[in-house]
Amino acid sequence: MSDLFSDFNKENKNRRKKNATPGVAETKPSTPEKRYDASAHQKKTTEKKPEVKKRGKGRPRKNKSTKMIRISDQAVDIINAYKQVANCESQDDAIIDVFRKYIESGAMSDSDEKVFRLLLELKKVDSLIYDKEELN
């Protein structure tokens, strides 16, 4: 048995010598066709586009400025339901109508109503809730 292994090993050694691999040629580094030019990048960054304000959902009503507030979907459903029942044109009108009715019912204490009225006067929106006759 030892002869078999010795012959096997000899064959492998001989095979390696006979089938010597040819030498691999040295790989030359490639050269790029175009090199990076930092000045071209700087030109692009100096030319800034004018900023465009993003508009909110939908189109605001004519001559009305709006601000975005976050309210839940359930609150929107409640406002829309009241808007339909009260025949209001918009959600704004529906909310203002609810505040008017709350103030007229007398559920708000006198001190709270005074503070509420002062805050509305500071924001210059008191004419939306109170009639002009009540303000004087």
C-alpha atoms as a PDB file:
ATOM      1  CA  MET A   1       0.000   0.000   0.000  1.00  0.00           C
ATOM      2  CA  SER A   2       2.811   2.342   0.660  1.00  0.00           C
ATOM      3  CA  ASP A   3       3.779   1.964  -2.995  1.00  0.00           C
ATOM      4  CA  LEU A   4       0.416   3.285  -4.078  1.00  0.00           C
ATOM      5  CA  PHE A   5       0.745   6.427  -2.024  1.00  0.00           C
ATOM      6  CA  SER A   6       4.293   7.061  -3.080  1.00  0.00           C
ATOM      7  CA  ASP A   7       3.362   6.644  -6.751  1.00  0.00           C
ATOM      8  CA  PHE A   8       0.393   8.928  -6.292  1.00  0.00           C
ATOM      9  CA  ASN A   9       2.526  11.638  -4.753  1.00  0.00           C
ATOM     10  CA  LYS A  10       5.159  11.286  -7.442  1.00  0.00           C
ATOM     11  CA  GLU A  11       2.576  11.682 -10.161  1.00  0.00           C
ATOM     12  CA  ASN A  12       1.283  14.869  -8.589  1.00  0.00           C
ATOM     13  CA  LYS A  13       4.772  16.297  -8.373  1.00  0.00           C
ATOM     14  CA  ASN A  14       5.479  15.407 -11.971  1.00  0.00           C
ATOM     15  CA  ARG A  15       2.196  16.864 -13.133  1.00  0.00           C
ATOM     16  CA  ARG A  16       2.978  20.171 -11.505  1.00  0.00           C
ATOM     17  CA  LYS A  17       6.294  20.416 -13.228  1.00  0.00           C
ATOM     18  CA  LYS A  18       4.956  19.526 -16.660  1.00  0.00           C
ATOM     19  CA  ASN A  19       1.974  21.877 -16.575  1.00  0.00           C
ATOM     20  CA  ALA A  20       3.722  24.964 -15.332  1.00  0.00           C
ATOM     21  CA  THR A  21       1.464  27.977 -15.654  1.00  0.00           C
ATOM     22  CA  PRO A  22       2.643  30.719 -17.957  1.00  0.00           C
ATOM     23  CA  GLY A  23       3.650  33.969 -16.278  1.00  0.00           C
ATOM     24  CA  VAL A  24       0.928  36.554 -15.825  1.00  0.00           C
ATOM     25  CA  ALA A  25       1.644  39.912 -17.409  1.00  0.00           C
ATOM     26  CA  GLU A  26       1.614  42.909 -15.107  1.00  0.00           C
ATOM     27  CA  THR A  27      -1.687  44.753 -15.081  1.00  0.00           C
ATOM     28  CA  LYS A  28      -1.215  48.396 -15.901  1.00  0.00           C
ATOM     29  CA  PRO A  29      -3.357  50.934 -14.012  1.00  0.00           C
ATOM     30  CA  SER A  30      -6.089  52.462 -16.124  1.00  0.00           C
ATOM     31  CA  THR A  31      -6.220  56.173 -16.743  1.00  0.00           C
ATOM     32  CA  PRO A  32      -9.597  57.944 -16.707  1.00  0.00           C
ATOM     33  CA  GLU A  33     -10.797  59.724 -19.806  1.00  0.00           C
ATOM     34  CA  LYS A  34     -12.022  62.694 -17.798  1.00  0.00           C
ATOM     35  CA  ARG A  35     -10.825  63.844 -14.390  1.00  0.00           C
ATOM     36  CA  TYR A  36     -13.015  65.359 -11.654  1.00  0.00           C
ATOM     37  CA  ASP A  37     -13.237  69.128 -11.914  1.00  0.00           C
ATOM     38  CA  ALA A  38     -14.203  70.820  -8.639  1.00  0.00           C
ATOM     39  CA  SER A  39     -14.753  74.213 -10.260  1.00  0.00           C
ATOM     40  CA  ALA A  40     -17.692  72.864 -12.291  1.00  0.00           C
ATOM     41  CA  HIS A  41     -19.342  71.665  -9.088  1.00  0.00           C
ATOM     42  CA  GLN A  42     -18.801  75.029  -7.403  1.00  0.00           C
ATOM     43  CA  LYS A  43     -20.448  76.845 -10.302  1.00  0.00           C
ATOM     44  CA  LYS A  44     -23.577  74.774  -9.890  1.00  0.00           C
ATOM     45  CA  THR A  45     -23.836  75.441  -6.153  1.00  0.00           C
ATOM     46  CA  THR A  46     -23.435  79.208  -6.547  1.00  0.00           C
ATOM     47  CA  GLU A  47     -26.392  79.368  -8.932  1.00  0.00           C
ATOM     48  CA  LYS A  48     -29.278  78.926  -6.490  1.00  0.00           C
ATOM     49  CA  LYS A  49     -32.853  78.696  -7.603  1.00  0.00           C
ATOM     50  CA  PRO A  50     -35.325  81.089  -6.005  1.00  0.00           C
ATOM     51  CA  GLU A  51     -37.242  79.426  -3.192  1.00  0.00           C
ATOM     52  CA  VAL A  52     -40.862  78.696  -3.940  1.00  0.00           C
ATOM     53  CA  LYS A  53     -43.267  78.581  -1.016  1.00  0.00           C
ATOM     54  CA  LYS A  54     -45.124  75.320  -0.739  1.00  0.00           C
ATOM     55  CA  ARG A  55     -48.879  75.630  -0.682  1.00  0.00           C
ATOM     56  CA  GLY A  56     -51.047  73.655   1.655  1.00  0.00           C
ATOM     57  CA  LYS A  57     -53.812  71.307   0.698  1.00  0.00           C
ATOM     58  CA  GLY A  58     -56.426  72.852  -1.514  1.00  0.00           C
ATOM     59  CA  ARG A  59     -56.807  76.431  -2.558  1.00  0.00           C
ATOM     60  CA  PRO A  60     -57.425  79.070   0.140  1.00  0.00           C
ATOM     61  CA  ARG A  61     -60.510  81.177  -0.226  1.00  0.00           C
ATOM     62  CA  LYS A  62     -60.135  84.513  -1.963  1.00  0.00           C
ATOM     63  CA  ASN A  63     -58.734  87.280   0.280  1.00  0.00           C
ATOM     64  CA  LYS A  64     -58.249  84.871   3.190  1.00  0.00           C
ATOM     65  CA  SER A  65     -54.980  83.982   4.840  1.00  0.00           C
ATOM     66  CA  THR A  66     -54.811  80.553   6.397  1.00  0.00           C
ATOM     67  CA  LYS A  67     -52.583  78.735   8.863  1.00  0.00           C
ATOM     68  CA  MET A  68     -52.224  74.993   9.175  1.00  0.00           C
ATOM     69  CA  ILE A  69     -53.256  73.296  12.399  1.00  0.00           C
ATOM     70  CA  ARG A  70     -53.224  69.612  13.219  1.00  0.00           C
ATOM     71  CA  ILE A  71     -56.450  68.042  14.342  1.00  0.00           C
ATOM     72  CA  SER A  72     -57.510  64.429  14.385  1.00  0.00           C
ATOM     73  CA  ASP A  73     -59.615  62.829  11.673  1.00  0.00           C
ATOM     74  CA  GLN A  74     -62.440  62.366  14.169  1.00  0.00           C
ATOM     75  CA  ALA A  75     -62.458  66.101  14.945  1.00  0.00           C
ATOM     76  CA  VAL A  76     -62.626  66.876  11.227  1.00  0.00           C
ATOM     77  CA  ASP A  77     -65.599  64.518  10.904  1.00  0.00           C
ATOM     78  CA  ILE A  78     -67.363  66.283  13.795  1.00  0.00           C
ATOM     79  CA  ILE A  79     -66.711  69.719  12.266  1.00  0.00           C
ATOM     80  CA  ASN A  80     -67.955  68.569   8.856  1.00  0.00           C
ATOM     81  CA  ALA A  81     -71.094  67.054  10.390  1.00  0.00           C
ATOM     82  CA  TYR A  82     -71.872  70.323  12.210  1.00  0.00           C
ATOM     83  CA  LYS A  83     -71.116  72.269   9.029  1.00  0.00           C
ATOM     84  CA  GLN A  84     -73.741  70.287   7.120  1.00  0.00           C
ATOM     85  CA  VAL A  85     -76.371  70.537   9.858  1.00  0.00           C
ATOM     86  CA  ALA A  86     -75.839  74.281  10.405  1.00  0.00           C
ATOM     87  CA  ASN A  87     -75.640  74.994   6.634  1.00  0.00           C
ATOM     88  CA  CYS A  88     -72.280  76.750   6.973  1.00  0.00           C
ATOM     89  CA  GLU A  89     -70.194  77.464   3.887  1.00  0.00           C
ATOM     90  CA  SER A  90     -66.853  76.373   5.322  1.00  0.00           C
ATOM     91  CA  GLN A  91     -65.282  74.685   8.316  1.00  0.00           C
ATOM     92  CA  ASP A  92     -64.117  78.117   9.491  1.00  0.00           C
ATOM     93  CA  ASP A  93     -67.680  79.389   9.584  1.00  0.00           C
ATOM     94  CA  ALA A  94     -68.831  76.258  11.430  1.00  0.00           C
ATOM     95  CA  ILE A  95     -66.209  76.633  14.166  1.00  0.00           C
ATOM     96  CA  ILE A  96     -66.929  80.358  14.590  1.00  0.00           C
ATOM     97  CA  ASP A  97     -70.652  79.587  14.793  1.00  0.00           C
ATOM     98  CA  VAL A  98     -70.023  77.088  17.609  1.00  0.00           C
ATOM     99  CA  PHE A  99     -68.003  79.684  19.547  1.00  0.00           C
ATOM    100  CA  ARG A 100     -70.737  82.307  19.095  1.00  0.00           C
ATOM    101  CA  LYS A 101     -73.403  79.953  20.408  1.00  0.00           C
ATOM    102  CA  TYR A 102     -71.206  78.946  23.352  1.00  0.00           C
ATOM    103  CA  ILE A 103     -70.661  82.585  24.351  1.00  0.00           C
ATOM    104  CA  GLU A 104     -74.337  83.527  23.854  1.00  0.00           C
ATOM    105  CA  SER A 105     -75.508  80.616  25.995  1.00  0.00           C
ATOM    106  CA  GLY A 106     -73.682  82.076  28.995  1.00  0.00           C
ATOM    107  CA  ALA A 107     -71.809  78.845  29.714  1.00  0.00           C
ATOM    108  CA  MET A 108     -68.538  80.799  29.878  1.00  0.00           C
ATOM    109  CA  SER A 109     -67.864  82.682  33.109  1.00  0.00           C
ATOM    110  CA  ASP A 110     -67.580  86.478  32.971  1.00  0.00           C
ATOM    111  CA  SER A 111     -63.845  86.483  33.728  1.00  0.00           C
ATOM    112  CA  ASP A 112     -63.170  83.825  31.069  1.00  0.00           C
ATOM    113  CA  GLU A 113     -65.225  85.771  28.554  1.00  0.00           C
ATOM    114  CA  LYS A 114     -63.258  88.971  29.284  1.00  0.00           C
ATOM    115  CA  VAL A 115     -59.953  87.152  28.783  1.00  0.00           C
ATOM    116  CA  PHE A 116     -61.280  85.535  25.605  1.00  0.00           C
ATOM    117  CA  ARG A 117     -62.432  88.908  24.263  1.00  0.00           C
ATOM    118  CA  LEU A 118     -59.059  90.533  25.070  1.00  0.00           C
ATOM    119  CA  LEU A 119     -57.157  87.751  23.306  1.00  0.00           C
ATOM    120  CA  LEU A 120     -59.350  88.161  20.244  1.00  0.00           C
ATOM    121  CA  GLU A 121     -58.774  91.932  20.291  1.00  0.00           C
ATOM    122  CA  LEU A 122     -55.005  91.388  20.435  1.00  0.00           C
ATOM    123  CA  LYS A 123     -55.178  89.190  17.345  1.00  0.00           C
ATOM    124  CA  LYS A 124     -57.638  91.633  15.733  1.00  0.00           C
ATOM    125  CA  VAL A 125     -60.201  88.918  15.030  1.00  0.00           C
ATOM    126  CA  ASP A 126     -62.851  89.917  17.561  1.00  0.00           C
ATOM    127  CA  SER A 127     -65.146  91.106  14.770  1.00  0.00           C
ATOM    128  CA  LEU A 128     -65.547  87.496  13.594  1.00  0.00           C
ATOM    129  CA  ILE A 129     -67.281  86.392  16.787  1.00  0.00           C
ATOM    130  CA  TYR A 130     -68.774  89.540  18.294  1.00  0.00           C
ATOM    131  CA  ASP A 131     -71.131  91.835  16.417  1.00  0.00           C
ATOM    132  CA  LYS A 132     -69.956  95.398  15.857  1.00  0.00           C
ATOM    133  CA  GLU A 133     -72.698  96.649  18.177  1.00  0.00           C
ATOM    134  CA  GLU A 134     -71.476  94.407  21.016  1.00  0.00           C
ATOM    135  CA  LEU A 135     -67.901  95.646  20.643  1.00  0.00           C
ATOM    136  CA  ASN A 136     -68.899  99.299  21.217  1.00  0.00           C
END
